[in-house]
Amino acid sequence: MTSQAGMPLTYDEVGGTRRRPLPDGYRHLRHRTFVGRGPRAMRDAADAVLEFWMLRAAGIRVTTSAPRAAPDVQVVSQVGIGPVRMVAPCRVVWAEEDERRAGFGYGTLPGHPAIGEEAFVVELDDLNDVWLTITSFSRPSRRLTRAAGPLMPAAQRLYARRYGAALRRLVARA
């Protein structure tokens, strides 16, 4: 993994996925998926999110500088094959974990096709249901992603659904 520890994030609103409302000037995404029921499902979902297994199970090639999400952990995601590969370097900007809520947010680094932040949070609600919520704010960073226009938000929604389905499968198998 190429170290990007010294690289600056590509946006100013660091931690914006942890607050409401999301910052202006970006496309916003919020996608919520039912994952399972009970404290065991919550623990399994928290581990799958914080250890990046959810991303891998959704078909993303992920390289990280640490096995578990924590502030300053570098994450490089890749999709595609050979020259038709998208490389997306990020850095974890916040992480949290307790019995009822766990997750992290990561922000884009230079070389990412977008500018912004994405968060993955699992929560155990008062009915004992476990939910994954994906929240992001982003805008294109390159001419190619700007030219893709409405395809980028559609791709983000597609991947949000893939992440939810992957996490549901991981929790069901545990």
Protein backbone atom coordinates (compact mmCIF):
# COMPACT_ATOMS: atom_id res chain seq x y z
CA MET A 1 0.00 0.00 0.00
CA THR A 2 1.37 3.37 -1.00
CA SER A 3 1.40 5.56 2.09
CA GLN A 4 -0.71 8.65 1.84
CA ALA A 5 -0.33 9.57 5.50
CA GLY A 6 0.99 13.02 4.70
CA MET A 7 -1.49 13.82 1.96
CA PRO A 8 -4.19 16.38 2.75
CA LEU A 9 -7.85 15.48 2.45
CA THR A 10 -9.46 16.97 -0.65
CA TYR A 11 -12.28 18.82 1.15
CA ASP A 12 -12.73 21.15 4.12
CA GLU A 13 -15.84 19.73 5.83
CA VAL A 14 -13.98 16.95 7.67
CA GLY A 15 -16.34 14.95 9.89
CA GLY A 16 -19.37 16.24 8.02
CA THR A 17 -20.98 12.78 7.82
CA ARG A 18 -21.16 12.74 11.60
CA ARG A 19 -23.23 15.91 11.77
CA ARG A 20 -26.55 17.10 10.41
CA PRO A 21 -27.19 18.72 8.08
CA LEU A 22 -24.65 17.58 5.52
CA PRO A 23 -22.59 20.39 3.96
CA ASP A 24 -23.94 22.39 1.03
CA GLY A 25 -22.31 22.21 -2.40
CA TYR A 26 -22.27 18.41 -2.65
CA ARG A 27 -24.55 15.57 -3.68
CA HIS A 28 -25.97 13.89 -0.60
CA LEU A 29 -26.72 10.21 -0.11
CA ARG A 30 -28.43 8.49 2.79
CA HIS A 31 -29.25 4.81 2.43
CA ARG A 32 -30.59 2.62 5.23
CA THR A 33 -30.71 -1.20 5.19
CA PHE A 34 -32.06 -3.72 7.72
CA VAL A 35 -29.23 -6.08 8.70
CA GLY A 36 -30.52 -8.39 11.45
CA ARG A 37 -31.89 -8.61 14.98
CA GLY A 38 -30.38 -8.56 18.43
CA PRO A 39 -27.09 -7.84 20.18
CA ARG A 40 -25.21 -10.67 18.47
CA ALA A 41 -26.19 -9.35 15.02
CA MET A 42 -25.08 -5.91 16.19
CA ARG A 43 -21.65 -7.20 17.29
CA ASP A 44 -21.18 -9.13 14.06
CA ALA A 45 -22.27 -6.17 11.93
CA ALA A 46 -19.99 -3.80 13.87
CA ASP A 47 -16.98 -6.06 13.31
CA ALA A 48 -17.80 -6.50 9.60
CA VAL A 49 -18.03 -2.73 9.11
CA LEU A 50 -15.07 -1.71 11.28
CA GLU A 51 -12.80 -4.44 9.85
CA PHE A 52 -13.75 -3.57 6.24
CA TRP A 53 -15.28 -7.04 5.56
CA MET A 54 -18.53 -5.48 4.37
CA LEU A 55 -16.66 -3.62 1.61
CA ARG A 56 -14.77 -6.76 0.57
CA ALA A 57 -17.94 -8.88 0.58
CA ALA A 58 -19.51 -6.33 -1.78
CA GLY A 59 -16.75 -7.01 -4.31
CA ILE A 60 -14.45 -4.09 -3.50
CA ARG A 61 -10.71 -4.76 -3.35
CA VAL A 62 -9.61 -3.00 -0.16
CA THR A 63 -6.13 -2.35 1.18
CA THR A 64 -5.77 -0.72 4.61
CA SER A 65 -2.96 0.49 6.83
CA ALA A 66 -4.57 -1.19 9.88
CA PRO A 67 -7.00 -4.09 10.31
CA ARG A 68 -9.71 -1.99 11.97
CA ALA A 69 -11.13 1.46 11.24
CA ALA A 70 -9.72 4.22 13.44
CA PRO A 71 -8.83 7.85 12.76
CA ASP A 72 -5.93 8.21 10.29
CA VAL A 73 -6.17 4.64 8.93
CA GLN A 74 -5.51 4.74 5.18
CA VAL A 75 -7.97 2.88 2.94
CA VAL A 76 -7.53 2.29 -0.78
CA SER A 77 -10.52 0.79 -2.58
CA GLN A 78 -10.37 -0.58 -6.12
CA VAL A 79 -13.03 -1.74 -8.53
CA GLY A 80 -12.53 -2.97 -12.05
CA ILE A 81 -9.85 -4.93 -13.86
CA GLY A 82 -6.52 -3.88 -15.34
CA PRO A 83 -6.64 -0.50 -17.06
CA VAL A 84 -10.38 -0.22 -16.39
CA ARG A 85 -9.81 0.07 -12.66
CA MET A 86 -10.94 2.87 -10.39
CA VAL A 87 -8.62 3.51 -7.44
CA ALA A 88 -10.11 5.44 -4.53
CA PRO A 89 -7.68 6.48 -1.74
CA CYS A 90 -9.28 7.62 1.53
CA ARG A 91 -8.43 8.24 5.17
CA VAL A 92 -10.64 7.40 8.15
CA VAL A 93 -11.56 10.72 9.79
CA TRP A 94 -13.73 9.39 12.62
CA ALA A 95 -14.71 6.06 14.14
CA GLU A 96 -16.92 5.02 17.04
CA GLU A 97 -18.07 1.84 18.72
CA ASP A 98 -20.34 0.99 21.61
CA GLU A 99 -23.03 -1.65 22.24
CA ARG A 100 -25.71 0.16 20.20
CA ARG A 101 -23.77 2.07 17.50
CA ALA A 102 -20.55 1.48 15.57
CA GLY A 103 -19.04 2.79 12.39
CA PHE A 104 -16.66 5.16 10.69
CA GLY A 105 -16.40 7.92 8.16
CA TYR A 106 -13.63 8.30 5.63
CA GLY A 107 -12.63 11.20 3.47
CA THR A 108 -11.17 11.41 0.00
CA LEU A 109 -7.48 11.90 -0.73
CA PRO A 110 -5.82 13.14 -3.94
CA GLY A 111 -6.37 10.62 -6.73
CA HIS A 112 -9.92 9.73 -5.67
CA PRO A 113 -12.52 10.19 -8.44
CA ALA A 114 -14.71 12.17 -6.01
CA ILE A 115 -14.30 14.83 -3.35
CA GLY A 116 -16.09 14.30 -0.06
CA GLU A 117 -16.80 11.87 2.74
CA GLU A 118 -18.70 8.62 3.26
CA ALA A 119 -19.81 6.99 6.51
CA PHE A 120 -20.93 3.46 7.37
CA VAL A 121 -22.79 3.14 10.68
CA VAL A 122 -24.64 0.19 12.21
CA GLU A 123 -27.14 0.78 15.00
CA LEU A 124 -29.24 -1.40 17.28
CA ASP A 125 -32.62 0.31 17.69
CA ASP A 126 -35.12 0.10 20.55
CA LEU A 127 -36.95 -2.78 18.80
CA ASN A 128 -33.70 -4.82 18.70
CA ASP A 129 -33.34 -4.34 14.93
CA VAL A 130 -29.89 -3.69 13.48
CA TRP A 131 -29.66 -1.12 10.68
CA LEU A 132 -26.83 -0.04 8.41
CA THR A 133 -26.91 3.61 7.38
CA ILE A 134 -24.61 4.89 4.65
CA THR A 135 -24.28 8.65 4.49
CA SER A 136 -22.15 10.62 2.07
CA PHE A 137 -21.55 13.98 0.53
CA SER A 138 -19.54 14.15 -2.66
CA ARG A 139 -18.88 15.83 -5.95
CA PRO A 140 -16.73 14.80 -8.93
CA SER A 141 -13.00 15.52 -8.74
CA ARG A 142 -11.99 14.72 -12.31
CA ARG A 143 -13.12 15.63 -15.79
CA LEU A 144 -14.11 12.00 -16.41
CA THR A 145 -16.31 11.76 -13.31
CA ARG A 146 -17.86 15.16 -14.10
CA ALA A 147 -18.61 13.91 -17.62
CA ALA A 148 -20.31 10.84 -16.15
CA GLY A 149 -22.97 13.23 -14.80
CA PRO A 150 -25.97 11.35 -13.39
CA LEU A 151 -24.21 7.99 -13.62
CA MET A 152 -22.09 8.73 -10.53
CA PRO A 153 -25.02 9.19 -8.09
CA ALA A 154 -26.65 6.09 -9.60
CA ALA A 155 -23.43 4.13 -9.05
CA GLN A 156 -23.25 5.38 -5.45
CA ARG A 157 -26.82 4.22 -4.80
CA LEU A 158 -26.05 0.85 -6.41
CA TYR A 159 -23.00 0.36 -4.20
CA ALA A 160 -24.94 1.43 -1.10
CA ARG A 161 -27.43 -1.35 -1.84
CA ARG A 162 -24.56 -3.81 -2.47
CA TYR A 163 -22.96 -2.91 0.86
CA GLY A 164 -26.26 -3.46 2.67
CA ALA A 165 -26.84 -6.84 1.00
CA ALA A 166 -23.24 -7.90 1.70
CA LEU A 167 -23.50 -6.96 5.39
CA ARG A 168 -26.84 -8.79 5.73
CA ARG A 169 -25.18 -11.95 4.25
CA LEU A 170 -22.16 -11.65 6.57
CA VAL A 171 -24.34 -11.27 9.67
CA ALA A 172 -26.60 -14.18 8.65
CA ARG A 173 -23.56 -16.47 8.26
CA ALA A 174 -21.97 -15.56 11.59
